[in-house]
Amino acid sequence: MEDKLHKKLLRKEMTRKEFLQFTGSSLLVLFGLGNLIALVGHFAKTAEPEKVADASHGFGSRKFGA
């Protein structure tokens, strides 16, 4: 089946624009799909932000910071 698809793609007449679209999308799938999955997986594992301690005196301890 793979051989038939390969021969069919080689025999298909296409314009330069169609060829570049096919080649570009193939390269995107080959090299970009793994990176996209890794990126989505990275955002799924976000940690909770650390809580910052409130200032008890000095700058930032009052309403206007003075």
Protein backbone atom coordinates (compact mmCIF):
# COMPACT_ATOMS: atom_id res chain seq x y z
CA MET A 1 0.00 0.00 0.00
CA GLU A 2 2.81 2.41 0.88
CA ASP A 3 4.49 1.72 -2.46
CA LYS A 4 1.28 2.54 -4.34
CA LEU A 5 0.90 5.82 -2.45
CA HIS A 6 4.53 6.73 -3.12
CA LYS A 7 4.17 6.07 -6.86
CA LYS A 8 0.86 7.93 -6.96
CA LEU A 9 2.44 11.02 -5.36
CA LEU A 10 5.37 10.92 -7.78
CA ARG A 11 3.07 10.67 -10.81
CA LYS A 12 0.72 13.44 -9.65
CA GLU A 13 1.07 16.63 -11.65
CA MET A 14 1.14 19.73 -9.49
CA THR A 15 2.11 23.34 -9.75
CA ARG A 16 5.12 24.81 -7.99
CA LYS A 17 2.82 26.34 -5.38
CA GLU A 18 1.14 22.99 -4.65
CA PHE A 19 4.54 21.29 -4.44
CA LEU A 20 5.86 23.86 -1.97
CA GLN A 21 2.69 23.58 0.12
CA PHE A 22 2.94 19.80 0.20
CA THR A 23 6.66 19.87 1.03
CA GLY A 24 6.26 22.55 3.69
CA SER A 25 3.37 20.81 5.39
CA SER A 26 5.26 17.52 5.32
CA LEU A 27 8.30 19.12 6.97
CA LEU A 28 6.09 20.81 9.53
CA VAL A 29 4.50 17.51 10.44
CA LEU A 30 7.84 15.70 10.59
CA PHE A 31 9.75 18.26 12.66
CA GLY A 32 7.09 20.40 14.29
CA LEU A 33 4.55 17.91 15.60
CA GLY A 34 6.86 16.55 18.29
CA ASN A 35 7.76 20.06 19.40
CA LEU A 36 4.10 21.04 19.56
CA ILE A 37 3.27 18.03 21.73
CA ALA A 38 6.21 18.80 24.02
CA LEU A 39 5.09 22.42 24.33
CA VAL A 40 1.53 21.46 25.25
CA GLY A 41 2.82 18.88 27.73
CA HIS A 42 5.06 21.50 29.33
CA PHE A 43 2.16 23.87 30.02
CA ALA A 44 0.05 21.10 31.53
CA LYS A 45 2.58 20.68 34.36
CA THR A 46 2.59 24.23 35.70
CA ALA A 47 3.24 24.68 39.39
CA GLU A 48 1.40 26.96 41.76
CA PRO A 49 3.10 30.34 42.24
CA GLU A 50 5.00 30.83 45.47
CA LYS A 51 3.30 33.05 48.00
CA VAL A 52 5.31 36.14 48.88
CA ALA A 53 5.45 37.08 52.56
CA ASP A 54 3.80 40.40 53.44
CA ALA A 55 6.07 43.16 54.75
CA SER A 56 5.46 43.88 58.44
CA HIS A 57 7.32 47.20 58.45
CA GLY A 58 9.30 49.39 56.06
CA PHE A 59 8.56 50.00 52.39
CA GLY A 60 5.39 48.27 51.28
CA SER A 61 3.92 47.77 54.72
CA ARG A 62 1.42 50.59 54.45
CA LYS A 63 -1.32 51.36 51.95
CA PHE A 64 0.75 53.67 49.74
CA GLY A 65 4.18 52.16 50.39
CA ALA A 66 5.47 55.10 52.45
